[in-house]
Amino acid sequence: MKPEQLKKGDLILVRWTDASDTTATLEEHKEKPEANCKDWGVFLGISGTKHRFIIVGKDVAETNREWGATRIPAELVEEIKLILPRDEVSHIIGEVEALSRRIRLRKHRRGEARDVHVY
């Protein structure tokens, strides 16, 4: 499934290839330098200026609606699967109904949050 086919609020599974950081012999580094990853969560959109990122929501702070999210580089995505459509997810996770053009993502540093434009 292509990211453009998804609706904000869809529950998805993303398979993607990431770089790995490990100690190994030179032969092991040459054989398999990447790490296969699987992330699942609420599709929050696509963002980025130089590079496109798939934004996958993991949790939400109910008081200020800041989403914790994983930003996956689109060019590293192998596959996207739809687990549940937005209509079904919104019955379980109420914040999905409130998704709009701007989503507040939490930063890792305390007290910093910013609005991110998603398509």
N, C-alpha and C. Protein backbone atom coordinates (compact mmCIF):
# COMPACT_ATOMS: atom_id res chain seq x y z
N MET A 1 0.84 -1.17 0.00
CA MET A 1 0.00 0.00 0.00
C MET A 1 0.89 1.24 0.00
N LYS A 2 0.52 2.25 -0.75
CA LYS A 2 1.29 3.49 -0.82
C LYS A 2 0.80 4.46 0.25
N PRO A 3 1.71 5.29 0.79
CA PRO A 3 1.31 6.24 1.83
C PRO A 3 0.18 7.17 1.38
N GLU A 4 0.15 7.51 0.10
CA GLU A 4 -0.87 8.41 -0.43
C GLU A 4 -2.27 7.79 -0.36
N GLN A 5 -2.36 6.48 -0.24
CA GLN A 5 -3.65 5.79 -0.16
C GLN A 5 -4.21 5.78 1.27
N LEU A 6 -3.40 6.15 2.24
CA LEU A 6 -3.80 6.10 3.64
C LEU A 6 -4.54 7.37 4.06
N LYS A 7 -5.37 7.22 5.09
CA LYS A 7 -6.04 8.36 5.71
C LYS A 7 -5.42 8.57 7.08
N LYS A 8 -5.30 9.83 7.48
CA LYS A 8 -4.82 10.11 8.84
C LYS A 8 -5.74 9.38 9.80
N GLY A 9 -5.14 8.64 10.72
CA GLY A 9 -5.93 7.89 11.69
C GLY A 9 -5.99 6.41 11.41
N ASP A 10 -5.58 5.98 10.20
CA ASP A 10 -5.52 4.54 9.90
C ASP A 10 -4.49 3.88 10.81
N LEU A 11 -4.77 2.68 11.28
CA LEU A 11 -3.81 1.90 12.04
C LEU A 11 -3.00 1.10 11.03
N ILE A 12 -1.67 1.29 11.02
CA ILE A 12 -0.84 0.67 9.99
C ILE A 12 0.35 -0.08 10.59
N LEU A 13 0.93 -0.94 9.76
CA LEU A 13 2.18 -1.62 10.06
C LEU A 13 3.14 -1.23 8.94
N VAL A 14 4.34 -0.77 9.31
CA VAL A 14 5.34 -0.36 8.32
C VAL A 14 6.57 -1.25 8.48
N ARG A 15 6.96 -1.88 7.39
CA ARG A 15 8.22 -2.64 7.35
C ARG A 15 9.22 -1.75 6.63
N TRP A 16 10.38 -1.55 7.26
CA TRP A 16 11.37 -0.68 6.66
C TRP A 16 12.77 -1.12 7.05
N THR A 17 13.74 -0.63 6.30
CA THR A 17 15.13 -0.99 6.53
C THR A 17 15.84 0.20 7.15
N ASP A 18 16.50 -0.04 8.27
CA ASP A 18 17.22 1.02 8.97
C ASP A 18 18.71 0.66 8.95
N ALA A 19 19.52 1.64 9.21
CA ALA A 19 20.94 1.37 9.38
C ALA A 19 21.13 0.72 10.75
N SER A 20 22.19 -0.02 10.92
CA SER A 20 22.44 -0.62 12.22
C SER A 20 23.75 -0.11 12.78
N ASP A 21 23.85 -0.09 14.07
CA ASP A 21 25.05 0.35 14.77
C ASP A 21 25.46 -0.79 15.69
N THR A 22 26.49 -1.50 15.28
CA THR A 22 26.88 -2.67 16.06
C THR A 22 28.38 -2.92 15.91
N THR A 23 28.90 -3.72 16.79
CA THR A 23 30.29 -4.14 16.71
C THR A 23 30.31 -5.53 16.09
N ALA A 24 31.09 -5.67 15.02
CA ALA A 24 31.16 -6.95 14.32
C ALA A 24 32.44 -6.99 13.50
N THR A 25 32.71 -8.16 12.93
CA THR A 25 33.86 -8.27 12.04
C THR A 25 33.55 -7.54 10.73
N LEU A 26 34.56 -7.22 9.96
CA LEU A 26 34.37 -6.54 8.68
C LEU A 26 33.48 -7.37 7.76
N GLU A 27 33.65 -8.69 7.78
CA GLU A 27 32.82 -9.57 6.94
C GLU A 27 31.35 -9.48 7.33
N GLU A 28 31.08 -9.45 8.63
CA GLU A 28 29.69 -9.35 9.10
C GLU A 28 29.08 -8.00 8.71
N HIS A 29 29.88 -6.93 8.77
CA HIS A 29 29.39 -5.62 8.36
C HIS A 29 29.05 -5.61 6.87
N LYS A 30 29.86 -6.26 6.06
CA LYS A 30 29.63 -6.29 4.62
C LYS A 30 28.41 -7.14 4.27
N GLU A 31 28.22 -8.25 5.00
CA GLU A 31 27.12 -9.17 4.70
C GLU A 31 25.75 -8.56 4.97
N LYS A 32 25.59 -7.89 6.09
CA LYS A 32 24.27 -7.38 6.45
C LYS A 32 24.40 -6.07 7.24
N PRO A 33 24.58 -4.95 6.52
CA PRO A 33 24.75 -3.68 7.22
C PRO A 33 23.44 -3.07 7.72
N GLU A 34 22.31 -3.51 7.19
CA GLU A 34 21.04 -2.90 7.57
C GLU A 34 20.29 -3.75 8.60
N ALA A 35 19.30 -3.13 9.20
CA ALA A 35 18.44 -3.82 10.16
C ALA A 35 17.00 -3.72 9.67
N ASN A 36 16.32 -4.85 9.61
CA ASN A 36 14.91 -4.86 9.20
C ASN A 36 14.05 -4.49 10.40
N CYS A 37 13.18 -3.50 10.20
CA CYS A 37 12.34 -2.98 11.29
C CYS A 37 10.87 -3.12 10.96
N LYS A 38 10.07 -3.17 12.00
CA LYS A 38 8.61 -3.19 11.89
C LYS A 38 8.07 -2.21 12.91
N ASP A 39 7.33 -1.22 12.45
CA ASP A 39 6.67 -0.27 13.34
C ASP A 39 5.19 -0.29 13.06
N TRP A 40 4.37 -0.14 14.09
CA TRP A 40 2.93 -0.04 13.87
C TRP A 40 2.39 1.06 14.76
N GLY A 41 1.33 1.66 14.29
CA GLY A 41 0.71 2.74 15.03
C GLY A 41 -0.27 3.49 14.13
N VAL A 42 -0.64 4.68 14.57
CA VAL A 42 -1.62 5.50 13.87
C VAL A 42 -0.92 6.35 12.81
N PHE A 43 -1.38 6.26 11.56
CA PHE A 43 -0.81 7.06 10.48
C PHE A 43 -1.19 8.52 10.71
N LEU A 44 -0.16 9.38 10.85
CA LEU A 44 -0.39 10.81 11.09
C LEU A 44 -0.12 11.65 9.85
N GLY A 45 0.45 11.06 8.83
CA GLY A 45 0.69 11.79 7.59
C GLY A 45 2.10 11.62 7.07
N ILE A 46 2.41 12.46 6.08
CA ILE A 46 3.72 12.48 5.44
C ILE A 46 4.27 13.88 5.62
N SER A 47 5.53 14.00 6.00
CA SER A 47 6.11 15.31 6.24
C SER A 47 7.54 15.34 5.73
N GLY A 48 8.11 16.52 5.67
CA GLY A 48 9.50 16.67 5.28
C GLY A 48 9.68 17.67 4.16
N THR A 49 10.83 18.31 4.15
CA THR A 49 11.13 19.26 3.09
C THR A 49 12.13 18.66 2.10
N LYS A 50 13.30 18.28 2.57
CA LYS A 50 14.28 17.63 1.69
C LYS A 50 13.93 16.18 1.43
N HIS A 51 13.50 15.49 2.47
CA HIS A 51 13.15 14.07 2.39
C HIS A 51 11.75 13.88 2.94
N ARG A 52 11.05 12.88 2.43
CA ARG A 52 9.70 12.57 2.92
C ARG A 52 9.80 11.56 4.06
N PHE A 53 8.98 11.78 5.07
CA PHE A 53 8.92 10.88 6.22
C PHE A 53 7.49 10.44 6.45
N ILE A 54 7.31 9.15 6.74
CA ILE A 54 6.02 8.61 7.15
C ILE A 54 5.95 8.81 8.66
N ILE A 55 4.92 9.50 9.14
CA ILE A 55 4.78 9.78 10.57
C ILE A 55 3.80 8.77 11.17
N VAL A 56 4.29 7.96 12.12
CA VAL A 56 3.49 6.92 12.76
C VAL A 56 3.34 7.27 14.24
N GLY A 57 2.10 7.57 14.66
CA GLY A 57 1.82 7.93 16.05
C GLY A 57 1.84 6.71 16.95
N LYS A 58 2.52 6.84 18.08
CA LYS A 58 2.65 5.73 19.03
C LYS A 58 1.80 5.94 20.28
N ASP A 59 1.68 7.19 20.71
CA ASP A 59 0.91 7.51 21.91
C ASP A 59 0.52 8.98 21.84
N VAL A 60 -0.41 9.38 22.71
CA VAL A 60 -0.84 10.77 22.74
C VAL A 60 -1.05 11.21 24.19
N ALA A 61 -0.57 12.43 24.50
CA ALA A 61 -0.81 13.00 25.82
C ALA A 61 -2.19 13.64 25.79
N GLU A 62 -3.10 13.12 26.58
CA GLU A 62 -4.50 13.57 26.53
C GLU A 62 -4.67 15.04 26.88
N THR A 63 -3.83 15.57 27.76
CA THR A 63 -4.02 16.95 28.22
C THR A 63 -3.75 17.98 27.13
N ASN A 64 -2.73 17.77 26.31
CA ASN A 64 -2.41 18.77 25.29
C ASN A 64 -2.36 18.19 23.87
N ARG A 65 -2.78 16.97 23.72
CA ARG A 65 -2.85 16.29 22.42
C ARG A 65 -1.52 16.30 21.66
N GLU A 66 -0.43 16.12 22.37
CA GLU A 66 0.87 15.96 21.73
C GLU A 66 1.08 14.47 21.45
N TRP A 67 1.43 14.17 20.22
CA TRP A 67 1.64 12.78 19.81
C TRP A 67 3.11 12.41 19.94
N GLY A 68 3.38 11.23 20.47
CA GLY A 68 4.70 10.61 20.37
C GLY A 68 4.70 9.85 19.06
N ALA A 69 5.72 10.02 18.24
CA ALA A 69 5.68 9.42 16.91
C ALA A 69 7.05 8.96 16.44
N THR A 70 7.03 8.04 15.50
CA THR A 70 8.22 7.60 14.79
C THR A 70 8.17 8.22 13.40
N ARG A 71 9.29 8.78 12.97
CA ARG A 71 9.39 9.38 11.63
C ARG A 71 10.26 8.46 10.79
N ILE A 72 9.65 7.81 9.83
CA ILE A 72 10.34 6.81 9.02
C ILE A 72 10.64 7.40 7.64
N PRO A 73 11.91 7.42 7.22
CA PRO A 73 12.23 7.93 5.88
C PRO A 73 11.50 7.10 4.82
N ALA A 74 10.73 7.77 3.97
CA ALA A 74 9.90 7.08 2.98
C ALA A 74 10.73 6.20 2.05
N GLU A 75 11.95 6.64 1.71
CA GLU A 75 12.76 5.85 0.78
C GLU A 75 13.25 4.54 1.39
N LEU A 76 13.13 4.38 2.71
CA LEU A 76 13.55 3.14 3.37
C LEU A 76 12.39 2.18 3.62
N VAL A 77 11.17 2.59 3.26
CA VAL A 77 9.99 1.77 3.49
C VAL A 77 9.91 0.64 2.47
N GLU A 78 9.76 -0.58 2.97
CA GLU A 78 9.61 -1.76 2.12
C GLU A 78 8.14 -2.06 1.86
N GLU A 79 7.30 -1.88 2.91
CA GLU A 79 5.89 -2.26 2.79
C GLU A 79 5.08 -1.54 3.87
N ILE A 80 3.85 -1.17 3.50
CA ILE A 80 2.89 -0.62 4.46
C ILE A 80 1.63 -1.46 4.38
N LYS A 81 1.16 -1.93 5.54
CA LYS A 81 -0.08 -2.70 5.60
C LYS A 81 -1.11 -1.95 6.43
N LEU A 82 -2.33 -1.93 5.95
CA LEU A 82 -3.43 -1.34 6.71
C LEU A 82 -3.95 -2.40 7.68
N ILE A 83 -3.93 -2.10 8.97
CA ILE A 83 -4.44 -3.02 9.98
C ILE A 83 -5.91 -2.75 10.23
N LEU A 84 -6.25 -1.48 10.50
CA LEU A 84 -7.64 -1.06 10.71
C LEU A 84 -7.83 0.32 10.09
N PRO A 85 -8.95 0.53 9.40
CA PRO A 85 -9.19 1.86 8.84
C PRO A 85 -9.54 2.88 9.93
N ARG A 86 -9.36 4.14 9.60
CA ARG A 86 -9.59 5.25 10.54
C ARG A 86 -10.95 5.16 11.23
N ASP A 87 -12.00 4.83 10.49
CA ASP A 87 -13.34 4.79 11.07
C ASP A 87 -13.42 3.84 12.26
N GLU A 88 -12.75 2.69 12.15
CA GLU A 88 -12.77 1.72 13.25
C GLU A 88 -11.82 2.14 14.38
N VAL A 89 -10.68 2.73 14.01
CA VAL A 89 -9.71 3.17 15.02
C VAL A 89 -10.28 4.29 15.88
N SER A 90 -11.04 5.20 15.27
CA SER A 90 -11.56 6.36 16.01
C SER A 90 -12.54 5.95 17.12
N HIS A 91 -13.15 4.77 17.00
CA HIS A 91 -14.03 4.28 18.07
C HIS A 91 -13.22 3.85 19.30
N ILE A 92 -11.96 3.49 19.07
CA ILE A 92 -11.09 3.02 20.15
C ILE A 92 -10.22 4.16 20.68
N ILE A 93 -9.66 4.96 19.75
CA ILE A 93 -8.78 6.07 20.11
C ILE A 93 -9.46 7.37 19.68
N GLY A 94 -10.09 8.03 20.63
CA GLY A 94 -10.89 9.22 20.32
C GLY A 94 -10.11 10.35 19.67
N GLU A 95 -8.82 10.49 19.99
CA GLU A 95 -8.00 11.57 19.44
C GLU A 95 -7.89 11.49 17.92
N VAL A 96 -8.12 10.32 17.35
CA VAL A 96 -8.04 10.14 15.90
C VAL A 96 -9.07 11.02 15.20
N GLU A 97 -10.24 11.18 15.80
CA GLU A 97 -11.28 12.01 15.18
C GLU A 97 -10.86 13.47 15.09
N ALA A 98 -9.98 13.91 15.98
CA ALA A 98 -9.56 15.31 16.02
C ALA A 98 -8.36 15.62 15.12
N LEU A 99 -7.85 14.62 14.39
CA LEU A 99 -6.69 14.87 13.54
C LEU A 99 -7.03 15.92 12.49
N SER A 100 -6.19 16.93 12.38
CA SER A 100 -6.41 17.99 11.41
C SER A 100 -5.15 18.18 10.58
N ARG A 101 -5.03 19.30 9.89
CA ARG A 101 -3.86 19.55 9.04
C ARG A 101 -2.58 19.65 9.84
N ARG A 102 -2.65 20.12 11.07
CA ARG A 102 -1.44 20.24 11.89
C ARG A 102 -1.54 19.30 13.08
N ILE A 103 -0.44 18.62 13.33
CA ILE A 103 -0.39 17.66 14.43
C ILE A 103 0.75 18.07 15.35
N ARG A 104 0.50 18.05 16.63
CA ARG A 104 1.54 18.45 17.58
C ARG A 104 2.34 17.21 17.97
N LEU A 105 3.63 17.20 17.59
CA LEU A 105 4.52 16.09 17.91
C LEU A 105 5.39 16.46 19.09
N ARG A 106 5.56 15.52 20.00
CA ARG A 106 6.45 15.75 21.14
C ARG A 106 7.89 15.66 20.68
N LYS A 107 8.71 16.53 21.23
CA LYS A 107 10.15 16.46 21.01
C LYS A 107 10.74 15.63 22.15
N HIS A 108 11.94 15.12 21.96
CA HIS A 108 12.58 14.34 23.01
C HIS A 108 13.02 15.20 24.18
N ARG A 109 13.29 16.49 23.91
CA ARG A 109 13.69 17.38 24.99
C ARG A 109 12.47 17.91 25.71
N ARG A 110 12.54 17.96 26.99
CA ARG A 110 11.43 18.38 27.83
C ARG A 110 10.97 19.81 27.50
N GLY A 111 9.66 19.98 27.40
CA GLY A 111 9.10 21.30 27.20
C GLY A 111 9.12 21.80 25.76
N GLU A 112 9.67 21.02 24.84
CA GLU A 112 9.72 21.46 23.45
C GLU A 112 8.74 20.66 22.62
N ALA A 113 7.86 21.34 21.97
CA ALA A 113 6.95 20.71 21.03
C ALA A 113 6.78 21.68 19.88
N ARG A 114 6.47 21.15 18.72
CA ARG A 114 6.25 22.05 17.59
C ARG A 114 5.21 21.45 16.68
N ASP A 115 4.57 22.31 15.92
CA ASP A 115 3.60 21.84 14.95
C ASP A 115 4.34 21.40 13.71
N VAL A 116 3.91 20.30 13.13
CA VAL A 116 4.53 19.77 11.92
C VAL A 116 3.47 19.72 10.84
N HIS A 117 3.79 20.26 9.67
CA HIS A 117 2.83 20.23 8.57
C HIS A 117 2.87 18.84 7.93
N VAL A 118 1.74 18.18 7.84
CA VAL A 118 1.66 16.87 7.20
C VAL A 118 0.67 16.94 6.06
N TYR A 119 0.87 16.10 5.07
CA TYR A 119 0.02 16.10 3.87
C TYR A 119 -1.04 15.06 3.96
